[in-house]
Amino acid sequence: KIVCVIELDDPSHERADRIIRDRWLDTIMTLARVPFVRASVTKLEEIPPVWETRDKIRPLVAATKSEPLH
């Protein structure tokens, strides 16, 4: 089972073609009901992205622990 998808966003995600692709991916993940988390790798000095990403996915992982394994 897919718990979530994490995408690492670098500066290329600011380009017009990547913005379009990212919006498409957001839509696909929503339609597939797959939790989708973006982690910026460009703001390393501003925010500890590893901890921010961990905090976003922690509830997703916790929710799967209560579900039966197939």
PDB file of N, CA and C in Angstrom:
ATOM      1  N   LYS A   1       0.837  -1.175   0.000  1.00  0.00           N
ATOM      2  CA  LYS A   1       0.000   0.000   0.000  1.00  0.00           C
ATOM      3  C   LYS A   1       0.883   1.239   0.000  1.00  0.00           C
ATOM      4  N   ILE A   2       0.524   2.199  -0.796  1.00  0.00           N
ATOM      5  CA  ILE A   2       1.239   3.470  -0.812  1.00  0.00           C
ATOM      6  C   ILE A   2       0.733   4.309   0.354  1.00  0.00           C
ATOM      7  N   VAL A   3       1.633   4.700   1.237  1.00  0.00           N
ATOM      8  CA  VAL A   3       1.270   5.523   2.385  1.00  0.00           C
ATOM      9  C   VAL A   3       1.222   6.985   1.972  1.00  0.00           C
ATOM     10  N   CYS A   4       2.242   7.427   1.238  1.00  0.00           N
ATOM     11  CA  CYS A   4       2.272   8.778   0.701  1.00  0.00           C
ATOM     12  C   CYS A   4       3.398   8.861  -0.321  1.00  0.00           C
ATOM     13  N   VAL A   5       3.392   9.950  -1.062  1.00  0.00           N
ATOM     14  CA  VAL A   5       4.456  10.226  -2.024  1.00  0.00           C
ATOM     15  C   VAL A   5       5.117  11.523  -1.585  1.00  0.00           C
ATOM     16  N   ILE A   6       6.447  11.523  -1.567  1.00  0.00           N
ATOM     17  CA  ILE A   6       7.200  12.723  -1.214  1.00  0.00           C
ATOM     18  C   ILE A   6       7.995  13.141  -2.440  1.00  0.00           C
ATOM     19  N   GLU A   7       7.862  14.406  -2.813  1.00  0.00           N
ATOM     20  CA  GLU A   7       8.643  14.931  -3.932  1.00  0.00           C
ATOM     21  C   GLU A   7       9.572  16.011  -3.415  1.00  0.00           C
ATOM     22  N   LEU A   8      10.839  15.912  -3.779  1.00  0.00           N
ATOM     23  CA  LEU A   8      11.820  16.918  -3.403  1.00  0.00           C
ATOM     24  C   LEU A   8      11.845  17.994  -4.481  1.00  0.00           C
ATOM     25  N   ASP A   9      11.520  19.219  -4.096  1.00  0.00           N
ATOM     26  CA  ASP A   9      11.469  20.338  -5.037  1.00  0.00           C
ATOM     27  C   ASP A   9      12.760  21.147  -4.966  1.00  0.00           C
ATOM     28  N   ASP A  10      13.444  21.210  -6.104  1.00  0.00           N
ATOM     29  CA  ASP A  10      14.641  22.033  -6.216  1.00  0.00           C
ATOM     30  C   ASP A  10      14.285  23.303  -7.004  1.00  0.00           C
ATOM     31  N   PRO A  11      15.245  24.167  -7.302  1.00  0.00           N
ATOM     32  CA  PRO A  11      14.929  25.414  -8.011  1.00  0.00           C
ATOM     33  C   PRO A  11      14.262  25.222  -9.378  1.00  0.00           C
ATOM     34  N   SER A  12      14.407  24.067  -9.986  1.00  0.00           N
ATOM     35  CA  SER A  12      13.774  23.841 -11.294  1.00  0.00           C
ATOM     36  C   SER A  12      12.253  23.913 -11.207  1.00  0.00           C
ATOM     37  N   HIS A  13      11.702  23.747 -10.031  1.00  0.00           N
ATOM     38  CA  HIS A  13      10.245  23.778  -9.859  1.00  0.00           C
ATOM     39  C   HIS A  13       9.670  25.188  -9.967  1.00  0.00           C
ATOM     40  N   GLU A  14      10.531  26.180 -10.138  1.00  0.00           N
ATOM     41  CA  GLU A  14      10.079  27.552 -10.346  1.00  0.00           C
ATOM     42  C   GLU A  14       9.876  27.864 -11.823  1.00  0.00           C
ATOM     43  N   ARG A  15      10.334  26.986 -12.714  1.00  0.00           N
ATOM     44  CA  ARG A  15      10.155  27.193 -14.163  1.00  0.00           C
ATOM     45  C   ARG A  15       8.705  26.951 -14.544  1.00  0.00           C
ATOM     46  N   ALA A  16       8.263  27.651 -15.584  1.00  0.00           N
ATOM     47  CA  ALA A  16       6.865  27.557 -16.035  1.00  0.00           C
ATOM     48  C   ALA A  16       6.467  26.124 -16.374  1.00  0.00           C
ATOM     49  N   ASP A  17       7.337  25.397 -17.087  1.00  0.00           N
ATOM     50  CA  ASP A  17       6.988  24.025 -17.468  1.00  0.00           C
ATOM     51  C   ASP A  17       6.871  23.114 -16.244  1.00  0.00           C
ATOM     52  N   ARG A  18       7.685  23.346 -15.236  1.00  0.00           N
ATOM     53  CA  ARG A  18       7.615  22.528 -14.025  1.00  0.00           C
ATOM     54  C   ARG A  18       6.400  22.881 -13.179  1.00  0.00           C
ATOM     55  N   ILE A  19       6.017  24.156 -13.189  1.00  0.00           N
ATOM     56  CA  ILE A  19       4.818  24.567 -12.455  1.00  0.00           C
ATOM     57  C   ILE A  19       3.599  23.857 -13.028  1.00  0.00           C
ATOM     58  N   ILE A  20       3.529  23.791 -14.361  1.00  0.00           N
ATOM     59  CA  ILE A  20       2.422  23.085 -15.024  1.00  0.00           C
ATOM     60  C   ILE A  20       2.461  21.606 -14.653  1.00  0.00           C
ATOM     61  N   ARG A  21       3.621  21.004 -14.710  1.00  0.00           N
ATOM     62  CA  ARG A  21       3.771  19.580 -14.371  1.00  0.00           C
ATOM     63  C   ARG A  21       3.412  19.325 -12.910  1.00  0.00           C
ATOM     64  N   ASP A  22       3.831  20.218 -12.021  1.00  0.00           N
ATOM     65  CA  ASP A  22       3.528  20.047 -10.597  1.00  0.00           C
ATOM     66  C   ASP A  22       2.031  20.132 -10.334  1.00  0.00           C
ATOM     67  N   ARG A  23       1.353  21.043 -11.005  1.00  0.00           N
ATOM     68  CA  ARG A  23      -0.109  21.140 -10.852  1.00  0.00           C
ATOM     69  C   ARG A  23      -0.779  19.863 -11.347  1.00  0.00           C
ATOM     70  N   TRP A  24      -0.283  19.332 -12.476  1.00  0.00           N
ATOM     71  CA  TRP A  24      -0.817  18.081 -13.023  1.00  0.00           C
ATOM     72  C   TRP A  24      -0.619  16.951 -12.010  1.00  0.00           C
ATOM     73  N   LEU A  25       0.580  16.886 -11.436  1.00  0.00           N
ATOM     74  CA  LEU A  25       0.876  15.839 -10.461  1.00  0.00           C
ATOM     75  C   LEU A  25       0.005  15.984  -9.210  1.00  0.00           C
ATOM     76  N   ASP A  26      -0.208  17.212  -8.764  1.00  0.00           N
ATOM     77  CA  ASP A  26      -1.106  17.447  -7.625  1.00  0.00           C
ATOM     78  C   ASP A  26      -2.498  16.892  -7.920  1.00  0.00           C
ATOM     79  N   THR A  27      -2.989  17.148  -9.126  1.00  0.00           N
ATOM     80  CA  THR A  27      -4.320  16.673  -9.521  1.00  0.00           C
ATOM     81  C   THR A  27      -4.369  15.150  -9.556  1.00  0.00           C
ATOM     82  N   ILE A  28      -3.366  14.536 -10.156  1.00  0.00           N
ATOM     83  CA  ILE A  28      -3.308  13.073 -10.261  1.00  0.00           C
ATOM     84  C   ILE A  28      -3.292  12.435  -8.869  1.00  0.00           C
ATOM     85  N   MET A  29      -2.478  12.972  -7.989  1.00  0.00           N
ATOM     86  CA  MET A  29      -2.390  12.413  -6.636  1.00  0.00           C
ATOM     87  C   MET A  29      -3.711  12.582  -5.886  1.00  0.00           C
ATOM     88  N   THR A  30      -4.369  13.711  -6.077  1.00  0.00           N
ATOM     89  CA  THR A  30      -5.669  13.932  -5.436  1.00  0.00           C
ATOM     90  C   THR A  30      -6.693  12.935  -5.960  1.00  0.00           C
ATOM     91  N   LEU A  31      -6.744  12.765  -7.275  1.00  0.00           N
ATOM     92  CA  LEU A  31      -7.693  11.820  -7.866  1.00  0.00           C
ATOM     93  C   LEU A  31      -7.417  10.384  -7.413  1.00  0.00           C
ATOM     94  N   ALA A  32      -6.149  10.059  -7.249  1.00  0.00           N
ATOM     95  CA  ALA A  32      -5.764   8.713  -6.807  1.00  0.00           C
ATOM     96  C   ALA A  32      -5.872   8.557  -5.289  1.00  0.00           C
ATOM     97  N   ARG A  33      -6.181   9.642  -4.612  1.00  0.00           N
ATOM     98  CA  ARG A  33      -6.295   9.663  -3.146  1.00  0.00           C
ATOM     99  C   ARG A  33      -5.011   9.207  -2.460  1.00  0.00           C
ATOM    100  N   VAL A  34      -3.903   9.662  -3.030  1.00  0.00           N
ATOM    101  CA  VAL A  34      -2.592   9.369  -2.463  1.00  0.00           C
ATOM    102  C   VAL A  34      -2.086  10.649  -1.791  1.00  0.00           C
ATOM    103  N   PRO A  35      -1.818  10.609  -0.501  1.00  0.00           N
ATOM    104  CA  PRO A  35      -1.268  11.791   0.159  1.00  0.00           C
ATOM    105  C   PRO A  35       0.049  12.195  -0.497  1.00  0.00           C
ATOM    106  N   PHE A  36       0.185  13.469  -0.771  1.00  0.00           N
ATOM    107  CA  PHE A  36       1.321  13.980  -1.534  1.00  0.00           C
ATOM    108  C   PHE A  36       1.962  15.126  -0.764  1.00  0.00           C
ATOM    109  N   VAL A  37       3.239  14.981  -0.472  1.00  0.00           N
ATOM    110  CA  VAL A  37       3.972  15.979   0.305  1.00  0.00           C
ATOM    111  C   VAL A  37       5.139  16.484  -0.529  1.00  0.00           C
ATOM    112  N   ARG A  38       5.268  17.794  -0.598  1.00  0.00           N
ATOM    113  CA  ARG A  38       6.416  18.403  -1.273  1.00  0.00           C
ATOM    114  C   ARG A  38       7.405  18.868  -0.214  1.00  0.00           C
ATOM    115  N   ALA A  39       8.674  18.609  -0.455  1.00  0.00           N
ATOM    116  CA  ALA A  39       9.734  19.056   0.447  1.00  0.00           C
ATOM    117  C   ALA A  39      10.708  19.904  -0.356  1.00  0.00           C
ATOM    118  N   SER A  40      10.859  21.140   0.055  1.00  0.00           N
ATOM    119  CA  SER A  40      11.773  22.042  -0.639  1.00  0.00           C
ATOM    120  C   SER A  40      13.210  21.726  -0.252  1.00  0.00           C
ATOM    121  N   VAL A  41      14.061  21.627  -1.249  1.00  0.00           N
ATOM    122  CA  VAL A  41      15.486  21.457  -0.980  1.00  0.00           C
ATOM    123  C   VAL A  41      16.220  22.763  -1.243  1.00  0.00           C
ATOM    124  N   THR A  42      15.472  23.837  -1.487  1.00  0.00           N
ATOM    125  CA  THR A  42      16.090  25.138  -1.749  1.00  0.00           C
ATOM    126  C   THR A  42      16.099  26.030  -0.517  1.00  0.00           C
ATOM    127  N   LYS A  43      15.360  25.670   0.515  1.00  0.00           N
ATOM    128  CA  LYS A  43      15.255  26.513   1.709  1.00  0.00           C
ATOM    129  C   LYS A  43      15.949  25.867   2.907  1.00  0.00           C
ATOM    130  N   LEU A  44      17.076  25.269   2.658  1.00  0.00           N
ATOM    131  CA  LEU A  44      17.757  24.539   3.727  1.00  0.00           C
ATOM    132  C   LEU A  44      18.148  25.437   4.897  1.00  0.00           C
ATOM    133  N   GLU A  45      18.484  26.710   4.601  1.00  0.00           N
ATOM    134  CA  GLU A  45      18.888  27.616   5.664  1.00  0.00           C
ATOM    135  C   GLU A  45      17.689  28.147   6.443  1.00  0.00           C
ATOM    136  N   GLU A  46      16.526  28.223   5.787  1.00  0.00           N
ATOM    137  CA  GLU A  46      15.350  28.818   6.418  1.00  0.00           C
ATOM    138  C   GLU A  46      14.592  27.831   7.305  1.00  0.00           C
ATOM    139  N   ILE A  47      14.343  26.655   6.809  1.00  0.00           N
ATOM    140  CA  ILE A  47      13.511  25.674   7.502  1.00  0.00           C
ATOM    141  C   ILE A  47      14.233  24.332   7.471  1.00  0.00           C
ATOM    142  N   PRO A  48      14.258  23.611   8.559  1.00  0.00           N
ATOM    143  CA  PRO A  48      14.809  22.259   8.470  1.00  0.00           C
ATOM    144  C   PRO A  48      13.816  21.358   7.731  1.00  0.00           C
ATOM    145  N   PRO A  49      13.948  21.203   6.414  1.00  0.00           N
ATOM    146  CA  PRO A  49      12.947  20.487   5.627  1.00  0.00           C
ATOM    147  C   PRO A  49      12.743  19.036   6.022  1.00  0.00           C
ATOM    148  N   VAL A  50      13.767  18.404   6.546  1.00  0.00           N
ATOM    149  CA  VAL A  50      13.605  17.007   6.948  1.00  0.00           C
ATOM    150  C   VAL A  50      12.572  16.912   8.066  1.00  0.00           C
ATOM    151  N   TRP A  51      12.664  17.794   9.054  1.00  0.00           N
ATOM    152  CA  TRP A  51      11.729  17.756  10.180  1.00  0.00           C
ATOM    153  C   TRP A  51      10.339  18.194   9.748  1.00  0.00           C
ATOM    154  N   GLU A  52      10.274  19.196   8.872  1.00  0.00           N
ATOM    155  CA  GLU A  52       8.969  19.651   8.381  1.00  0.00           C
ATOM    156  C   GLU A  52       8.273  18.520   7.617  1.00  0.00           C
ATOM    157  N   THR A  53       9.019  17.840   6.771  1.00  0.00           N
ATOM    158  CA  THR A  53       8.457  16.729   6.008  1.00  0.00           C
ATOM    159  C   THR A  53       8.057  15.593   6.942  1.00  0.00           C
ATOM    160  N   ARG A  54       8.883  15.309   7.921  1.00  0.00           N
ATOM    161  CA  ARG A  54       8.555  14.266   8.902  1.00  0.00           C
ATOM    162  C   ARG A  54       7.233  14.575   9.594  1.00  0.00           C
ATOM    163  N   ASP A  55       7.046  15.820   9.975  1.00  0.00           N
ATOM    164  CA  ASP A  55       5.815  16.207  10.663  1.00  0.00           C
ATOM    165  C   ASP A  55       4.591  16.084   9.759  1.00  0.00           C
ATOM    166  N   LYS A  56       4.777  16.285   8.447  1.00  0.00           N
ATOM    167  CA  LYS A  56       3.658  16.159   7.510  1.00  0.00           C
ATOM    168  C   LYS A  56       3.258  14.702   7.294  1.00  0.00           C
ATOM    169  N   ILE A  57       4.256  13.810   7.262  1.00  0.00           N
ATOM    170  CA  ILE A  57       3.923  12.415   6.950  1.00  0.00           C
ATOM    171  C   ILE A  57       3.627  11.572   8.184  1.00  0.00           C
ATOM    172  N   ARG A  58       4.022  12.042   9.354  1.00  0.00           N
ATOM    173  CA  ARG A  58       3.802  11.258  10.583  1.00  0.00           C
ATOM    174  C   ARG A  58       2.350  10.807  10.744  1.00  0.00           C
ATOM    175  N   PRO A  59       1.336  11.707  10.574  1.00  0.00           N
ATOM    176  CA  PRO A  59      -0.048  11.241  10.729  1.00  0.00           C
ATOM    177  C   PRO A  59      -0.460  10.250   9.646  1.00  0.00           C
ATOM    178  N   LEU A  60       0.130  10.358   8.462  1.00  0.00           N
ATOM    179  CA  LEU A  60      -0.209   9.429   7.380  1.00  0.00           C
ATOM    180  C   LEU A  60       0.283   8.026   7.709  1.00  0.00           C
ATOM    181  N   VAL A  61       1.494   7.949   8.223  1.00  0.00           N
ATOM    182  CA  VAL A  61       2.066   6.657   8.595  1.00  0.00           C
ATOM    183  C   VAL A  61       1.318   6.080   9.791  1.00  0.00           C
ATOM    184  N   ALA A  62       1.002   6.913  10.760  1.00  0.00           N
ATOM    185  CA  ALA A  62       0.278   6.446  11.948  1.00  0.00           C
ATOM    186  C   ALA A  62      -1.084   5.877  11.573  1.00  0.00           C
ATOM    187  N   ALA A  63      -1.747   6.495  10.604  1.00  0.00           N
ATOM    188  CA  ALA A  63      -3.069   6.020  10.184  1.00  0.00           C
ATOM    189  C   ALA A  63      -2.991   4.626   9.580  1.00  0.00           C
ATOM    190  N   THR A  64      -1.900   4.306   8.902  1.00  0.00           N
ATOM    191  CA  THR A  64      -1.790   2.992   8.269  1.00  0.00           C
ATOM    192  C   THR A  64      -1.506   1.897   9.283  1.00  0.00           C
ATOM    193  N   LYS A  65      -0.963   2.247  10.424  1.00  0.00           N
ATOM    194  CA  LYS A  65      -0.655   1.230  11.438  1.00  0.00           C
ATOM    195  C   LYS A  65      -1.916   0.591  12.000  1.00  0.00           C
ATOM    196  N   SER A  66      -3.022   1.322  11.954  1.00  0.00           N
ATOM    197  CA  SER A  66      -4.267   0.772  12.493  1.00  0.00           C
ATOM    198  C   SER A  66      -5.044  -0.028  11.455  1.00  0.00           C
ATOM    199  N   GLU A  67      -4.584   0.010  10.205  1.00  0.00           N
ATOM    200  CA  GLU A  67      -5.269  -0.732   9.142  1.00  0.00           C
ATOM    201  C   GLU A  67      -4.683  -2.136   9.041  1.00  0.00           C
ATOM    202  N   PRO A  68      -5.509  -3.126   8.729  1.00  0.00           N
ATOM    203  CA  PRO A  68      -4.984  -4.487   8.565  1.00  0.00           C
ATOM    204  C   PRO A  68      -4.090  -4.584   7.332  1.00  0.00           C
ATOM    205  N   LEU A  69      -3.067  -5.403   7.429  1.00  0.00           N
ATOM    206  CA  LEU A  69      -2.188  -5.634   6.285  1.00  0.00           C
ATOM    207  C   LEU A  69      -2.817  -6.657   5.358  1.00  0.00           C
ATOM    208  N   HIS A  70      -2.672  -6.444   4.073  1.00  0.00           N
ATOM    209  CA  HIS A  70      -3.230  -7.368   3.077  1.00  0.00           C
ATOM    210  C   HIS A  70      -2.124  -8.084   2.350  1.00  0.00           C
TER     211      HIS A  70
END
